[in-house]
């Protein structure tokens, strides 16, 4: 079964977040960095990966993505800080 990922991108100031889902995290992050990820990530220069979760079921990943997208901003920051306390850019490769 193929892995799926829920991930969070942010800008260099850590003020805006994008939550996405993909089956190829490395490729998707490169797309965001190159400006081909989404209009939102390009507009707000969201090029830094700060959080991701791995799933074996794409449906569970999509469900989780939708859940996080509905959270308040501070809840998203707290989630990220559970695994990445300093909000550093993560190595995805």
PDB file of N, CA and C in Angstrom:
ATOM      1  N   UNK A   1       0.843  -1.185   0.000  1.00  0.00           N
ATOM      2  CA  UNK A   1       0.000   0.000   0.000  1.00  0.00           C
ATOM      3  C   UNK A   1       0.888   1.248   0.000  1.00  0.00           C
ATOM      4  N   UNK A   2       0.512   2.239  -0.766  1.00  0.00           N
ATOM      5  CA  UNK A   2       1.305   3.450  -0.911  1.00  0.00           C
ATOM      6  C   UNK A   2       1.104   4.404   0.267  1.00  0.00           C
ATOM      7  N   UNK A   3       2.188   5.008   0.691  1.00  0.00           N
ATOM      8  CA  UNK A   3       2.101   5.997   1.765  1.00  0.00           C
ATOM      9  C   UNK A   3       1.469   7.286   1.253  1.00  0.00           C
ATOM     10  N   UNK A   4       0.797   7.956   2.145  1.00  0.00           N
ATOM     11  CA  UNK A   4       0.245   9.285   1.890  1.00  0.00           C
ATOM     12  C   UNK A   4       0.689  10.199   3.020  1.00  0.00           C
ATOM     13  N   UNK A   5       0.703  11.483   2.747  1.00  0.00           N
ATOM     14  CA  UNK A   5       1.199  12.453   3.717  1.00  0.00           C
ATOM     15  C   UNK A   5       0.250  13.636   3.829  1.00  0.00           C
ATOM     16  N   UNK A   6       0.036  14.079   5.053  1.00  0.00           N
ATOM     17  CA  UNK A   6      -0.579  15.374   5.339  1.00  0.00           C
ATOM     18  C   UNK A   6       0.583  16.258   5.758  1.00  0.00           C
ATOM     19  N   UNK A   7       0.667  17.441   5.179  1.00  0.00           N
ATOM     20  CA  UNK A   7       1.826  18.288   5.445  1.00  0.00           C
ATOM     21  C   UNK A   7       1.409  19.737   5.638  1.00  0.00           C
ATOM     22  N   UNK A   8       2.288  20.488   6.301  1.00  0.00           N
ATOM     23  CA  UNK A   8       2.043  21.910   6.525  1.00  0.00           C
ATOM     24  C   UNK A   8       3.252  22.695   6.025  1.00  0.00           C
ATOM     25  N   UNK A   9       2.967  23.666   5.167  1.00  0.00           N
ATOM     26  CA  UNK A   9       3.971  24.582   4.633  1.00  0.00           C
ATOM     27  C   UNK A   9       3.757  25.949   5.272  1.00  0.00           C
ATOM     28  N   UNK A  10       4.833  26.730   5.361  1.00  0.00           N
ATOM     29  CA  UNK A  10       4.721  28.088   5.887  1.00  0.00           C
ATOM     30  C   UNK A  10       5.742  28.987   5.200  1.00  0.00           C
ATOM     31  N   UNK A  11       5.670  30.271   5.520  1.00  0.00           N
ATOM     32  CA  UNK A  11       6.612  31.241   4.958  1.00  0.00           C
ATOM     33  C   UNK A  11       7.779  31.452   5.930  1.00  0.00           C
ATOM     34  N   UNK A  12       8.723  32.284   5.546  1.00  0.00           N
ATOM     35  CA  UNK A  12       9.907  32.469   6.397  1.00  0.00           C
ATOM     36  C   UNK A  12       9.571  33.147   7.718  1.00  0.00           C
ATOM     37  N   UNK A  13       8.445  33.843   7.798  1.00  0.00           N
ATOM     38  CA  UNK A  13       8.046  34.516   9.036  1.00  0.00           C
ATOM     39  C   UNK A  13       7.151  33.638   9.916  1.00  0.00           C
ATOM     40  N   UNK A  14       6.735  32.479   9.386  1.00  0.00           N
ATOM     41  CA  UNK A  14       5.890  31.523  10.114  1.00  0.00           C
ATOM     42  C   UNK A  14       4.529  32.113  10.484  1.00  0.00           C
ATOM     43  N   UNK A  15       3.978  32.935   9.580  1.00  0.00           N
ATOM     44  CA  UNK A  15       2.710  33.607   9.849  1.00  0.00           C
ATOM     45  C   UNK A  15       1.524  33.026   9.100  1.00  0.00           C
ATOM     46  N   UNK A  16       1.760  32.377   7.976  1.00  0.00           N
ATOM     47  CA  UNK A  16       0.693  31.812   7.155  1.00  0.00           C
ATOM     48  C   UNK A  16       0.998  30.335   6.937  1.00  0.00           C
ATOM     49  N   UNK A  17      -0.058  29.511   6.965  1.00  0.00           N
ATOM     50  CA  UNK A  17       0.130  28.072   6.825  1.00  0.00           C
ATOM     51  C   UNK A  17      -0.737  27.509   5.710  1.00  0.00           C
ATOM     52  N   UNK A  18      -0.223  26.475   5.063  1.00  0.00           N
ATOM     53  CA  UNK A  18      -0.953  25.737   4.046  1.00  0.00           C
ATOM     54  C   UNK A  18      -0.937  24.269   4.435  1.00  0.00           C
ATOM     55  N   UNK A  19      -2.103  23.652   4.458  1.00  0.00           N
ATOM     56  CA  UNK A  19      -2.203  22.235   4.767  1.00  0.00           C
ATOM     57  C   UNK A  19      -2.554  21.510   3.479  1.00  0.00           C
ATOM     58  N   UNK A  20      -1.808  20.457   3.177  1.00  0.00           N
ATOM     59  CA  UNK A  20      -2.053  19.691   1.965  1.00  0.00           C
ATOM     60  C   UNK A  20      -1.925  18.207   2.204  1.00  0.00           C
ATOM     61  N   UNK A  21      -2.273  17.438   1.173  1.00  0.00           N
ATOM     62  CA  UNK A  21      -2.149  15.980   1.208  1.00  0.00           C
ATOM     63  C   UNK A  21      -1.534  15.533  -0.110  1.00  0.00           C
ATOM     64  N   UNK A  22      -0.678  14.533  -0.042  1.00  0.00           N
ATOM     65  CA  UNK A  22       0.005  14.043  -1.238  1.00  0.00           C
ATOM     66  C   UNK A  22       0.459  12.604  -1.037  1.00  0.00           C
ATOM     67  N   UNK A  23       0.733  11.937  -2.135  1.00  0.00           N
ATOM     68  CA  UNK A  23       1.304  10.592  -2.056  1.00  0.00           C
ATOM     69  C   UNK A  23       2.802  10.612  -2.329  1.00  0.00           C
ATOM     70  N   UNK A  24       3.328  11.795  -2.692  1.00  0.00           N
ATOM     71  CA  UNK A  24       4.763  11.934  -2.946  1.00  0.00           C
ATOM     72  C   UNK A  24       5.231  13.250  -2.320  1.00  0.00           C
ATOM     73  N   UNK A  25       5.631  13.180  -1.060  1.00  0.00           N
ATOM     74  CA  UNK A  25       5.962  14.389  -0.306  1.00  0.00           C
ATOM     75  C   UNK A  25       7.121  15.155  -0.928  1.00  0.00           C
ATOM     76  N   UNK A  26       8.186  14.465  -1.277  1.00  0.00           N
ATOM     77  CA  UNK A  26       9.358  15.138  -1.824  1.00  0.00           C
ATOM     78  C   UNK A  26       9.012  15.912  -3.097  1.00  0.00           C
ATOM     79  N   UNK A  27       8.306  15.270  -4.004  1.00  0.00           N
ATOM     80  CA  UNK A  27       7.919  15.928  -5.260  1.00  0.00           C
ATOM     81  C   UNK A  27       7.021  17.129  -4.995  1.00  0.00           C
ATOM     82  N   UNK A  28       6.077  16.963  -4.088  1.00  0.00           N
ATOM     83  CA  UNK A  28       5.122  18.041  -3.807  1.00  0.00           C
ATOM     84  C   UNK A  28       5.803  19.254  -3.173  1.00  0.00           C
ATOM     85  N   UNK A  29       6.748  19.018  -2.282  1.00  0.00           N
ATOM     86  CA  UNK A  29       7.453  20.129  -1.641  1.00  0.00           C
ATOM     87  C   UNK A  29       8.276  20.884  -2.680  1.00  0.00           C
ATOM     88  N   UNK A  30       8.920  20.156  -3.572  1.00  0.00           N
ATOM     89  CA  UNK A  30       9.687  20.799  -4.648  1.00  0.00           C
ATOM     90  C   UNK A  30       8.755  21.640  -5.518  1.00  0.00           C
ATOM     91  N   UNK A  31       7.567  21.131  -5.806  1.00  0.00           N
ATOM     92  CA  UNK A  31       6.595  21.899  -6.591  1.00  0.00           C
ATOM     93  C   UNK A  31       6.229  23.198  -5.879  1.00  0.00           C
ATOM     94  N   UNK A  32       5.988  23.127  -4.584  1.00  0.00           N
ATOM     95  CA  UNK A  32       5.682  24.348  -3.825  1.00  0.00           C
ATOM     96  C   UNK A  32       6.862  25.318  -3.883  1.00  0.00           C
ATOM     97  N   UNK A  33       8.055  24.806  -3.689  1.00  0.00           N
ATOM     98  CA  UNK A  33       9.248  25.653  -3.689  1.00  0.00           C
ATOM     99  C   UNK A  33       9.447  26.328  -5.047  1.00  0.00           C
ATOM    100  N   UNK A  34       9.139  25.605  -6.109  1.00  0.00           N
ATOM    101  CA  UNK A  34       9.302  26.138  -7.469  1.00  0.00           C
ATOM    102  C   UNK A  34       8.140  27.017  -7.916  1.00  0.00           C
ATOM    103  N   UNK A  35       7.123  27.170  -7.066  1.00  0.00           N
ATOM    104  CA  UNK A  35       5.984  28.009  -7.411  1.00  0.00           C
ATOM    105  C   UNK A  35       4.911  27.289  -8.200  1.00  0.00           C
ATOM    106  N   UNK A  36       5.008  25.968  -8.290  1.00  0.00           N
ATOM    107  CA  UNK A  36       4.028  25.184  -9.042  1.00  0.00           C
ATOM    108  C   UNK A  36       3.086  24.413  -8.124  1.00  0.00           C
ATOM    109  N   UNK A  37       3.192  24.632  -6.817  1.00  0.00           N
ATOM    110  CA  UNK A  37       2.396  23.869  -5.855  1.00  0.00           C
ATOM    111  C   UNK A  37       0.939  24.263  -5.833  1.00  0.00           C
ATOM    112  N   UNK A  38       0.668  25.510  -5.629  1.00  0.00           N
ATOM    113  CA  UNK A  38      -0.692  26.047  -5.627  1.00  0.00           C
ATOM    114  C   UNK A  38      -0.584  27.564  -5.696  1.00  0.00           C
ATOM    115  N   UNK A  39      -1.660  28.194  -6.120  1.00  0.00           N
ATOM    116  CA  UNK A  39      -1.666  29.663  -6.186  1.00  0.00           C
ATOM    117  C   UNK A  39      -1.493  30.274  -4.797  1.00  0.00           C
ATOM    118  N   UNK A  40      -2.107  29.647  -3.794  1.00  0.00           N
ATOM    119  CA  UNK A  40      -2.025  30.153  -2.427  1.00  0.00           C
ATOM    120  C   UNK A  40      -0.590  30.113  -1.914  1.00  0.00           C
ATOM    121  N   UNK A  41       0.089  28.982  -2.096  1.00  0.00           N
ATOM    122  CA  UNK A  41       1.463  28.869  -1.597  1.00  0.00           C
ATOM    123  C   UNK A  41       2.399  29.788  -2.358  1.00  0.00           C
ATOM    124  N   UNK A  42       2.144  29.991  -3.632  1.00  0.00           N
ATOM    125  CA  UNK A  42       2.968  30.915  -4.421  1.00  0.00           C
ATOM    126  C   UNK A  42       2.736  32.356  -3.965  1.00  0.00           C
ATOM    127  N   UNK A  43       1.484  32.732  -3.806  1.00  0.00           N
ATOM    128  CA  UNK A  43       1.134  34.107  -3.396  1.00  0.00           C
ATOM    129  C   UNK A  43       1.775  34.479  -2.066  1.00  0.00           C
ATOM    130  N   UNK A  44       1.752  33.559  -1.113  1.00  0.00           N
ATOM    131  CA  UNK A  44       2.254  33.858   0.229  1.00  0.00           C
ATOM    132  C   UNK A  44       3.652  33.302   0.487  1.00  0.00           C
ATOM    133  N   UNK A  45       4.305  32.814  -0.565  1.00  0.00           N
ATOM    134  CA  UNK A  45       5.680  32.300  -0.495  1.00  0.00           C
ATOM    135  C   UNK A  45       5.833  31.252   0.606  1.00  0.00           C
ATOM    136  N   UNK A  46       4.946  30.267   0.569  1.00  0.00           N
ATOM    137  CA  UNK A  46       4.963  29.194   1.552  1.00  0.00           C
ATOM    138  C   UNK A  46       5.850  28.071   1.022  1.00  0.00           C
ATOM    139  N   UNK A  47       7.126  28.150   1.331  1.00  0.00           N
ATOM    140  CA  UNK A  47       8.110  27.220   0.772  1.00  0.00           C
ATOM    141  C   UNK A  47       8.782  26.332   1.818  1.00  0.00           C
ATOM    142  N   UNK A  48       8.433  26.511   3.086  1.00  0.00           N
ATOM    143  CA  UNK A  48       9.098  25.764   4.158  1.00  0.00           C
ATOM    144  C   UNK A  48       8.173  24.698   4.742  1.00  0.00           C
ATOM    145  N   UNK A  49       8.617  23.453   4.679  1.00  0.00           N
ATOM    146  CA  UNK A  49       7.891  22.352   5.295  1.00  0.00           C
ATOM    147  C   UNK A  49       8.201  22.356   6.787  1.00  0.00           C
ATOM    148  N   UNK A  50       7.157  22.442   7.617  1.00  0.00           N
ATOM    149  CA  UNK A  50       7.370  22.459   9.067  1.00  0.00           C
ATOM    150  C   UNK A  50       6.699  21.294   9.795  1.00  0.00           C
ATOM    151  N   UNK A  51       5.870  20.529   9.065  1.00  0.00           N
ATOM    152  CA  UNK A  51       5.156  19.439   9.717  1.00  0.00           C
ATOM    153  C   UNK A  51       4.639  18.460   8.676  1.00  0.00           C
ATOM    154  N   UNK A  52       4.669  17.173   9.021  1.00  0.00           N
ATOM    155  CA  UNK A  52       3.975  16.189   8.192  1.00  0.00           C
ATOM    156  C   UNK A  52       3.629  14.954   9.003  1.00  0.00           C
ATOM    157  N   UNK A  53       2.593  14.275   8.552  1.00  0.00           N
ATOM    158  CA  UNK A  53       2.148  13.012   9.123  1.00  0.00           C
ATOM    159  C   UNK A  53       2.083  11.998   7.990  1.00  0.00           C
ATOM    160  N   UNK A  54       2.366  10.736   8.295  1.00  0.00           N
ATOM    161  CA  UNK A  54       2.363   9.677   7.299  1.00  0.00           C
ATOM    162  C   UNK A  54       1.176   8.744   7.526  1.00  0.00           C
ATOM    163  N   UNK A  55       0.526   8.354   6.428  1.00  0.00           N
ATOM    164  CA  UNK A  55      -0.631   7.468   6.480  1.00  0.00           C
ATOM    165  C   UNK A  55      -0.473   6.343   5.455  1.00  0.00           C
ATOM    166  N   UNK A  56      -1.081   5.214   5.743  1.00  0.00           N
ATOM    167  CA  UNK A  56      -1.106   4.120   4.779  1.00  0.00           C
ATOM    168  C   UNK A  56      -2.410   4.103   3.994  1.00  0.00           C
ATOM    169  N   UNK A  57      -3.383   4.881   4.425  1.00  0.00           N
ATOM    170  CA  UNK A  57      -4.694   4.961   3.778  1.00  0.00           C
ATOM    171  C   UNK A  57      -4.939   6.407   3.337  1.00  0.00           C
ATOM    172  N   UNK A  58      -5.025   6.631   2.033  1.00  0.00           N
ATOM    173  CA  UNK A  58      -5.212   7.990   1.501  1.00  0.00           C
ATOM    174  C   UNK A  58      -6.494   8.620   2.032  1.00  0.00           C
ATOM    175  N   UNK A  59      -7.515   7.816   2.253  1.00  0.00           N
ATOM    176  CA  UNK A  59      -8.775   8.365   2.768  1.00  0.00           C
ATOM    177  C   UNK A  59      -8.617   8.924   4.171  1.00  0.00           C
ATOM    178  N   UNK A  60      -7.815   8.268   4.989  1.00  0.00           N
ATOM    179  CA  UNK A  60      -7.541   8.776   6.338  1.00  0.00           C
ATOM    180  C   UNK A  60      -6.731  10.075   6.255  1.00  0.00           C
ATOM    181  N   UNK A  61      -5.796  10.133   5.315  1.00  0.00           N
ATOM    182  CA  UNK A  61      -4.987  11.347   5.136  1.00  0.00           C
ATOM    183  C   UNK A  61      -5.871  12.521   4.707  1.00  0.00           C
ATOM    184  N   UNK A  62      -6.771  12.278   3.792  1.00  0.00           N
ATOM    185  CA  UNK A  62      -7.678  13.339   3.327  1.00  0.00           C
ATOM    186  C   UNK A  62      -8.580  13.803   4.470  1.00  0.00           C
ATOM    187  N   UNK A  63      -9.073  12.855   5.261  1.00  0.00           N
ATOM    188  CA  UNK A  63      -9.913  13.198   6.411  1.00  0.00           C
ATOM    189  C   UNK A  63      -9.141  14.077   7.402  1.00  0.00           C
ATOM    190  N   UNK A  64      -7.891  13.703   7.656  1.00  0.00           N
ATOM    191  CA  UNK A  64      -7.053  14.470   8.587  1.00  0.00           C
ATOM    192  C   UNK A  64      -6.750  15.860   8.027  1.00  0.00           C
ATOM    193  N   UNK A  65      -6.457  15.943   6.746  1.00  0.00           N
ATOM    194  CA  UNK A  65      -6.199  17.248   6.117  1.00  0.00           C
ATOM    195  C   UNK A  65      -7.398  18.179   6.320  1.00  0.00           C
ATOM    196  N   UNK A  66      -8.578  17.688   6.046  1.00  0.00           N
ATOM    197  CA  UNK A  66      -9.790  18.501   6.210  1.00  0.00           C
ATOM    198  C   UNK A  66      -9.976  18.932   7.664  1.00  0.00           C
ATOM    199  N   UNK A  67      -9.676  18.023   8.591  1.00  0.00           N
ATOM    200  CA  UNK A  67      -9.798  18.341  10.010  1.00  0.00           C
ATOM    201  C   UNK A  67      -8.875  19.504  10.376  1.00  0.00           C
ATOM    202  N   UNK A  68      -7.603  19.392  10.009  1.00  0.00           N
ATOM    203  CA  UNK A  68      -6.623  20.431  10.368  1.00  0.00           C
ATOM    204  C   UNK A  68      -6.960  21.749   9.688  1.00  0.00           C
ATOM    205  N   UNK A  69      -7.424  21.706   8.453  1.00  0.00           N
ATOM    206  CA  UNK A  69      -7.774  22.938   7.737  1.00  0.00           C
ATOM    207  C   UNK A  69      -8.867  23.724   8.466  1.00  0.00           C
ATOM    208  N   UNK A  70      -9.699  23.037   9.214  1.00  0.00           N
ATOM    209  CA  UNK A  70     -10.785  23.707   9.942  1.00  0.00           C
ATOM    210  C   UNK A  70     -10.367  24.226  11.309  1.00  0.00           C
ATOM    211  N   UNK A  71      -9.144  23.954  11.707  1.00  0.00           N
ATOM    212  CA  UNK A  71      -8.662  24.402  13.007  1.00  0.00           C
ATOM    213  C   UNK A  71      -8.318  25.884  13.007  1.00  0.00           C
ATOM    214  N   UNK A  72      -8.342  26.446  14.212  1.00  0.00           N
ATOM    215  CA  UNK A  72      -7.892  27.823  14.414  1.00  0.00           C
ATOM    216  C   UNK A  72      -6.380  27.880  14.222  1.00  0.00           C
ATOM    217  N   UNK A  73      -5.875  29.062  13.921  1.00  0.00           N
ATOM    218  CA  UNK A  73      -4.444  29.284  13.652  1.00  0.00           C
ATOM    219  C   UNK A  73      -3.565  28.805  14.811  1.00  0.00           C
ATOM    220  N   UNK A  74      -3.940  29.150  16.031  1.00  0.00           N
ATOM    221  CA  UNK A  74      -3.107  28.768  17.181  1.00  0.00           C
ATOM    222  C   UNK A  74      -3.108  27.255  17.408  1.00  0.00           C
ATOM    223  N   UNK A  75      -4.180  26.570  17.059  1.00  0.00           N
ATOM    224  CA  UNK A  75      -4.210  25.110  17.172  1.00  0.00           C
ATOM    225  C   UNK A  75      -3.211  24.492  16.195  1.00  0.00           C
ATOM    226  N   UNK A  76      -3.141  25.050  14.995  1.00  0.00           N
ATOM    227  CA  UNK A  76      -2.185  24.553  13.995  1.00  0.00           C
ATOM    228  C   UNK A  76      -0.753  24.741  14.489  1.00  0.00           C
ATOM    229  N   UNK A  77      -0.473  25.899  15.071  1.00  0.00           N
ATOM    230  CA  UNK A  77       0.869  26.150  15.598  1.00  0.00           C
ATOM    231  C   UNK A  77       1.195  25.158  16.711  1.00  0.00           C
ATOM    232  N   UNK A  78       0.247  24.915  17.598  1.00  0.00           N
ATOM    233  CA  UNK A  78       0.475  23.957  18.684  1.00  0.00           C
ATOM    234  C   UNK A  78       0.713  22.550  18.151  1.00  0.00           C
ATOM    235  N   UNK A  79      -0.004  22.154  17.116  1.00  0.00           N
ATOM    236  CA  UNK A  79       0.210  20.852  16.496  1.00  0.00           C
ATOM    237  C   UNK A  79       1.633  20.750  15.950  1.00  0.00           C
ATOM    238  N   UNK A  80       2.058  21.748  15.223  1.00  0.00           N
ATOM    239  CA  UNK A  80       3.411  21.761  14.652  1.00  0.00           C
ATOM    240  C   UNK A  80       4.446  21.673  15.766  1.00  0.00           C
ATOM    241  N   UNK A  81       4.249  22.457  16.820  1.00  0.00           N
ATOM    242  CA  UNK A  81       5.231  22.515  17.909  1.00  0.00           C
ATOM    243  C   UNK A  81       5.347  21.208  18.690  1.00  0.00           C
ATOM    244  N   UNK A  82       4.339  20.339  18.605  1.00  0.00           N
ATOM    245  CA  UNK A  82       4.440  19.036  19.264  1.00  0.00           C
ATOM    246  C   UNK A  82       5.614  18.235  18.721  1.00  0.00           C
ATOM    247  N   UNK A  83       5.860  18.327  17.419  1.00  0.00           N
ATOM    248  CA  UNK A  83       6.943  17.576  16.783  1.00  0.00           C
ATOM    249  C   UNK A  83       8.099  18.450  16.332  1.00  0.00           C
ATOM    250  N   UNK A  84       7.851  19.745  16.220  1.00  0.00           N
ATOM    251  CA  UNK A  84       8.852  20.681  15.703  1.00  0.00           C
ATOM    252  C   UNK A  84       8.769  21.975  16.540  1.00  0.00           C
ATOM    253  N   UNK A  85       9.264  21.936  17.781  1.00  0.00           N
ATOM    254  CA  UNK A  85       9.068  23.046  18.730  1.00  0.00           C
ATOM    255  C   UNK A  85       9.567  24.406  18.253  1.00  0.00           C
ATOM    256  N   UNK A  86      10.583  24.437  17.411  1.00  0.00           N
ATOM    257  CA  UNK A  86      11.143  25.718  16.965  1.00  0.00           C
ATOM    258  C   UNK A  86      10.674  26.103  15.562  1.00  0.00           C
ATOM    259  N   UNK A  87       9.753  25.345  15.005  1.00  0.00           N
ATOM    260  CA  UNK A  87       9.194  25.602  13.668  1.00  0.00           C
ATOM    261  C   UNK A  87      10.282  25.674  12.588  1.00  0.00           C
ATOM    262  N   UNK A  88      11.286  24.837  12.725  1.00  0.00           N
ATOM    263  CA  UNK A  88      12.367  24.818  11.737  1.00  0.00           C
ATOM    264  C   UNK A  88      11.893  24.118  10.464  1.00  0.00           C
ATOM    265  N   UNK A  89      12.509  24.472   9.352  1.00  0.00           N
ATOM    266  CA  UNK A  89      12.233  23.803   8.093  1.00  0.00           C
ATOM    267  C   UNK A  89      12.722  22.364   8.168  1.00  0.00           C
ATOM    268  N   UNK A  90      11.849  21.432   7.822  1.00  0.00           N
ATOM    269  CA  UNK A  90      12.170  20.012   7.923  1.00  0.00           C
ATOM    270  C   UNK A  90      12.810  19.495   6.639  1.00  0.00           C
ATOM    271  N   UNK A  91      13.646  18.488   6.794  1.00  0.00           N
ATOM    272  CA  UNK A  91      14.224  17.779   5.652  1.00  0.00           C
ATOM    273  C   UNK A  91      13.204  16.732   5.223  1.00  0.00           C
ATOM    274  N   UNK A  92      12.797  16.745   3.991  1.00  0.00           N
ATOM    275  CA  UNK A  92      11.761  15.848   3.516  1.00  0.00           C
ATOM    276  C   UNK A  92      12.295  14.748   2.606  1.00  0.00           C
ATOM    277  N   UNK A  93      13.590  14.719   2.397  1.00  0.00           N
ATOM    278  CA  UNK A  93      14.105  13.795   1.405  1.00  0.00           C
ATOM    279  C   UNK A  93      14.992  12.766   1.927  1.00  0.00           C
TER     280      UNK A  93
END
